């Protein structure tokens, strides 16, 4: 059973990675813009503005889960880093996947926002490999409520949120593995680039990423 689960996980990760490359990073950037805009339309029970304002970076993903008997999920998105008080890096492509056993029919799409609270969290995403939430970095369901005090210290390196039925809520993503899509980054930037250089702002963001950066500068 463990071997079957591992094979399913490997298959789901490869499927997510292939999908992310095929659809292109610009699709993920556009989806990230849409997710950020939806956040701003949320009522009081949403990601606290203070959490976003004090963040060191964000990972924004759209994940689709589908299956019948055997279930699989795969998603793609971007990670960005704050490079100054009012400026952000260009996006780096990421993907995630997973698999499990259980009676499930149909497909479900979810939107996830991972708030990177510490420099160590940004550094983990800068290595250009895999990031295992809960193993490489501490992770916790993020608090909600726009009026959360600014001086509340984060309790984990990463806060995780999911948007479902029009509401952002804290959600546990411990055990999730997120991979860097180096091929998608190469296609998007027109050359081989290091994730660390992207997230440090050493690589100019393409024109297609300017709308996302503009939205992030509002926090």
Protein backbone atom coordinates (compact mmCIF):
# COMPACT_ATOMS: atom_id res chain seq x y z
CA UNK A 1 0.00 0.00 0.00
CA UNK A 2 2.83 2.41 0.84
CA UNK A 3 4.44 1.71 -2.52
CA UNK A 4 1.17 2.41 -4.34
CA UNK A 5 0.77 5.69 -2.46
CA UNK A 6 4.33 6.73 -3.31
CA UNK A 7 3.80 5.93 -6.97
CA UNK A 8 0.57 7.89 -7.01
CA UNK A 9 2.31 10.85 -5.38
CA UNK A 10 5.14 10.76 -7.90
CA UNK A 11 2.65 10.57 -10.78
CA UNK A 12 0.62 13.49 -9.42
CA UNK A 13 3.72 15.64 -8.99
CA UNK A 14 4.87 14.90 -12.53
CA UNK A 15 1.40 15.63 -13.88
CA UNK A 16 1.25 18.93 -12.03
CA UNK A 17 4.72 19.86 -13.25
CA UNK A 18 3.88 19.04 -16.86
CA UNK A 19 0.64 20.99 -16.71
CA UNK A 20 2.39 24.01 -15.27
CA UNK A 21 5.00 23.98 -18.05
CA UNK A 22 2.44 23.49 -20.81
CA UNK A 23 0.05 26.23 -19.73
CA UNK A 24 2.84 28.74 -19.14
CA UNK A 25 3.78 30.90 -16.20
CA UNK A 26 1.73 33.84 -17.42
CA UNK A 27 -1.47 31.92 -16.71
CA UNK A 28 -0.33 31.43 -13.11
CA UNK A 29 0.56 35.12 -12.81
CA UNK A 30 -2.87 36.14 -14.09
CA UNK A 31 -4.55 33.74 -11.67
CA UNK A 32 -2.50 35.18 -8.81
CA UNK A 33 -3.69 38.68 -9.69
CA UNK A 34 -7.27 37.45 -9.67
CA UNK A 35 -6.84 35.78 -6.27
CA UNK A 36 -5.31 38.93 -4.73
CA UNK A 37 -8.17 41.04 -6.10
CA UNK A 38 -10.73 38.61 -4.68
CA UNK A 39 -9.06 38.92 -1.30
CA UNK A 40 -9.61 42.66 -1.33
CA UNK A 41 -13.33 42.09 -1.91
CA UNK A 42 -13.61 39.78 1.09
CA UNK A 43 -15.57 40.81 4.20
CA UNK A 44 -14.02 41.06 7.67
CA UNK A 45 -13.23 37.34 7.92
CA UNK A 46 -10.28 37.19 5.54
CA UNK A 47 -6.48 37.27 5.55
CA UNK A 48 -5.49 40.08 7.94
CA UNK A 49 -3.98 43.03 6.13
CA UNK A 50 -1.31 43.25 8.81
CA UNK A 51 -0.18 39.71 7.99
CA UNK A 52 0.26 40.61 4.33
CA UNK A 53 1.86 43.95 5.13
CA UNK A 54 4.54 42.28 7.29
CA UNK A 55 5.09 39.31 5.00
CA UNK A 56 8.46 38.54 3.41
CA UNK A 57 6.86 36.81 0.45
CA UNK A 58 3.79 35.02 -0.90
CA UNK A 59 3.16 31.75 -2.70
CA UNK A 60 -0.16 31.73 -4.58
CA UNK A 61 -1.51 28.54 -6.15
CA UNK A 62 -4.57 27.11 -7.84
CA UNK A 63 -4.98 23.40 -7.07
CA UNK A 64 -7.39 20.96 -8.72
CA UNK A 65 -8.36 17.73 -6.97
CA UNK A 66 -10.08 14.95 -8.88
CA UNK A 67 -10.56 11.23 -8.74
CA UNK A 68 -12.65 8.09 -8.65
CA UNK A 69 -11.56 5.55 -6.04
CA UNK A 70 -7.99 6.82 -6.46
CA UNK A 71 -7.67 10.57 -5.99
CA UNK A 72 -5.01 12.96 -7.17
CA UNK A 73 -4.43 16.67 -6.91
CA UNK A 74 -2.17 18.94 -8.88
CA UNK A 75 -1.67 22.66 -8.99
CA UNK A 76 0.50 25.47 -10.20
CA UNK A 77 1.26 28.98 -9.10
CA UNK A 78 3.92 31.52 -8.32
CA UNK A 79 6.10 32.62 -5.44
CA UNK A 80 7.18 36.24 -5.04
CA UNK A 81 9.35 37.97 -2.43
CA UNK A 82 9.31 41.44 -0.92
CA UNK A 83 12.58 43.14 -1.90
CA UNK A 84 11.89 46.47 -0.18
CA UNK A 85 9.15 48.13 1.83
CA UNK A 86 7.14 48.90 -1.29
CA UNK A 87 8.51 46.66 -4.01
CA UNK A 88 8.30 43.00 -4.97
CA UNK A 89 10.32 40.57 -7.03
CA UNK A 90 9.21 38.99 -10.25
CA UNK A 91 7.39 35.64 -10.02
CA UNK A 92 9.01 32.21 -9.87
CA UNK A 93 6.97 29.21 -11.05
CA UNK A 94 5.95 26.53 -8.56
CA UNK A 95 3.76 23.42 -8.62
CA UNK A 96 2.39 20.88 -6.17
CA UNK A 97 0.73 17.50 -6.31
CA UNK A 98 -0.47 14.64 -4.19
CA UNK A 99 -2.38 11.38 -4.22
CA UNK A 100 -4.52 9.25 -1.97
CA UNK A 101 -7.05 6.47 -1.69
CA UNK A 102 -10.75 7.01 -1.17
CA UNK A 103 -14.10 7.15 -2.88
CA UNK A 104 -14.25 10.50 -4.66
CA UNK A 105 -16.06 11.56 -7.78
CA UNK A 106 -15.62 14.76 -9.74
CA UNK A 107 -13.16 17.62 -9.56
CA UNK A 108 -12.71 20.54 -7.19
CA UNK A 109 -10.54 23.64 -7.59
CA UNK A 110 -9.15 25.56 -4.64
CA UNK A 111 -7.06 28.71 -4.33
CA UNK A 112 -4.23 28.81 -1.81
CA UNK A 113 -2.22 31.69 -0.40
CA UNK A 114 0.93 30.88 1.57
CA UNK A 115 2.29 33.82 3.53
CA UNK A 116 6.05 33.61 3.99
CA UNK A 117 6.65 35.21 7.39
CA UNK A 118 10.42 34.86 7.70
CA UNK A 119 13.60 35.30 5.64
CA UNK A 120 14.19 31.57 6.11
CA UNK A 121 10.90 30.82 4.36
CA UNK A 122 11.89 32.92 1.36
CA UNK A 123 15.34 31.30 1.35
CA UNK A 124 13.75 27.83 1.23
CA UNK A 125 11.85 28.77 -1.92
CA UNK A 126 14.99 30.38 -3.37
CA UNK A 127 16.95 27.13 -3.57
CA UNK A 128 15.21 26.02 -6.74
CA UNK A 129 14.27 22.58 -5.45
CA UNK A 130 11.51 21.09 -3.31
CA UNK A 131 10.02 22.65 -0.19
CA UNK A 132 8.26 20.31 2.25
CA UNK A 133 5.84 22.19 4.48
CA UNK A 134 6.07 21.11 8.09
CA UNK A 135 9.46 19.47 7.52
CA UNK A 136 11.69 22.08 5.95
CA UNK A 137 9.67 24.92 7.46
CA UNK A 138 7.12 25.29 10.25
CA UNK A 139 3.62 25.81 8.89
CA UNK A 140 0.30 26.71 10.47
CA UNK A 141 -3.21 27.64 9.47
CA UNK A 142 -3.21 31.41 9.28
CA UNK A 143 -5.35 33.62 11.51
CA UNK A 144 -8.26 35.50 9.92
CA UNK A 145 -9.80 38.91 10.54
CA UNK A 146 -8.88 42.23 8.99
CA UNK A 147 -8.52 43.89 12.40
CA UNK A 148 -5.77 41.60 13.70
CA UNK A 149 -3.17 43.70 15.53
CA UNK A 150 -0.07 44.63 13.56
CA UNK A 151 2.31 43.68 16.36
CA UNK A 152 1.16 40.06 16.66
CA UNK A 153 4.28 37.92 16.08
CA UNK A 154 3.88 35.03 13.63
CA UNK A 155 3.77 31.56 15.19
CA UNK A 156 5.12 29.76 12.10
CA UNK A 157 7.43 30.45 9.19
CA UNK A 158 4.48 30.05 6.82
CA UNK A 159 0.79 30.81 7.30
CA UNK A 160 -1.52 28.95 4.92
CA UNK A 161 -4.93 29.97 3.62
CA UNK A 162 -7.47 28.47 1.24
CA UNK A 163 -10.29 30.23 -0.57
CA UNK A 164 -13.49 28.23 -0.68
CA UNK A 165 -17.04 29.39 -1.27
CA UNK A 166 -16.01 33.03 -1.29
CA UNK A 167 -14.14 32.96 2.02
CA UNK A 168 -10.46 32.85 2.88
CA UNK A 169 -9.78 30.63 5.87
CA UNK A 170 -6.72 29.21 7.58
CA UNK A 171 -6.01 25.64 6.47
CA UNK A 172 -3.40 23.05 7.41
CA UNK A 173 -1.05 22.11 4.56
CA UNK A 174 1.51 20.20 6.62
CA UNK A 175 3.17 17.52 4.51
CA UNK A 176 2.56 19.32 1.21
CA UNK A 177 5.54 19.37 -1.15
CA UNK A 178 6.03 22.35 -3.44
CA UNK A 179 8.44 22.12 -6.37
CA UNK A 180 10.16 24.81 -8.42
CA UNK A 181 9.37 24.78 -12.16
CA UNK A 182 12.73 25.78 -13.59
CA UNK A 183 11.62 25.09 -17.16
CA UNK A 184 8.67 27.46 -16.84
CA UNK A 185 10.97 30.14 -15.40
CA UNK A 186 13.32 29.74 -18.36
CA UNK A 187 10.45 30.09 -20.84
CA UNK A 188 9.02 33.12 -19.05
CA UNK A 189 12.27 35.06 -18.60
CA UNK A 190 13.70 34.01 -21.95
CA UNK A 191 16.86 32.48 -20.47
CA UNK A 192 18.07 30.20 -17.70
CA UNK A 193 17.65 31.99 -14.39
CA UNK A 194 18.31 31.18 -10.75
CA UNK A 195 15.30 31.33 -8.44
CA UNK A 196 17.41 33.14 -5.87
CA UNK A 197 18.16 35.92 -8.38
CA UNK A 198 14.46 36.23 -9.23
CA UNK A 199 13.37 36.51 -5.60
CA UNK A 200 16.14 38.97 -4.74
CA UNK A 201 14.99 41.25 -7.56
CA UNK A 202 18.18 40.79 -9.58
CA UNK A 203 16.18 39.66 -12.62
CA UNK A 204 13.82 42.33 -14.02
CA UNK A 205 10.20 41.23 -13.93
CA UNK A 206 8.67 40.77 -17.41
CA UNK A 207 5.93 43.13 -18.55
CA UNK A 208 3.33 40.42 -17.94
CA UNK A 209 4.14 40.43 -14.21
CA UNK A 210 3.68 44.16 -13.66
CA UNK A 211 -0.03 43.91 -12.82
CA UNK A 212 0.72 41.40 -10.06
CA UNK A 213 3.48 43.58 -8.64
CA UNK A 214 1.17 46.59 -8.78
CA UNK A 215 -1.46 44.75 -6.73
CA UNK A 216 1.10 43.57 -4.18
CA UNK A 217 2.47 47.10 -3.70
CA UNK A 218 -0.91 48.09 -2.27
CA UNK A 219 -0.15 46.11 0.89
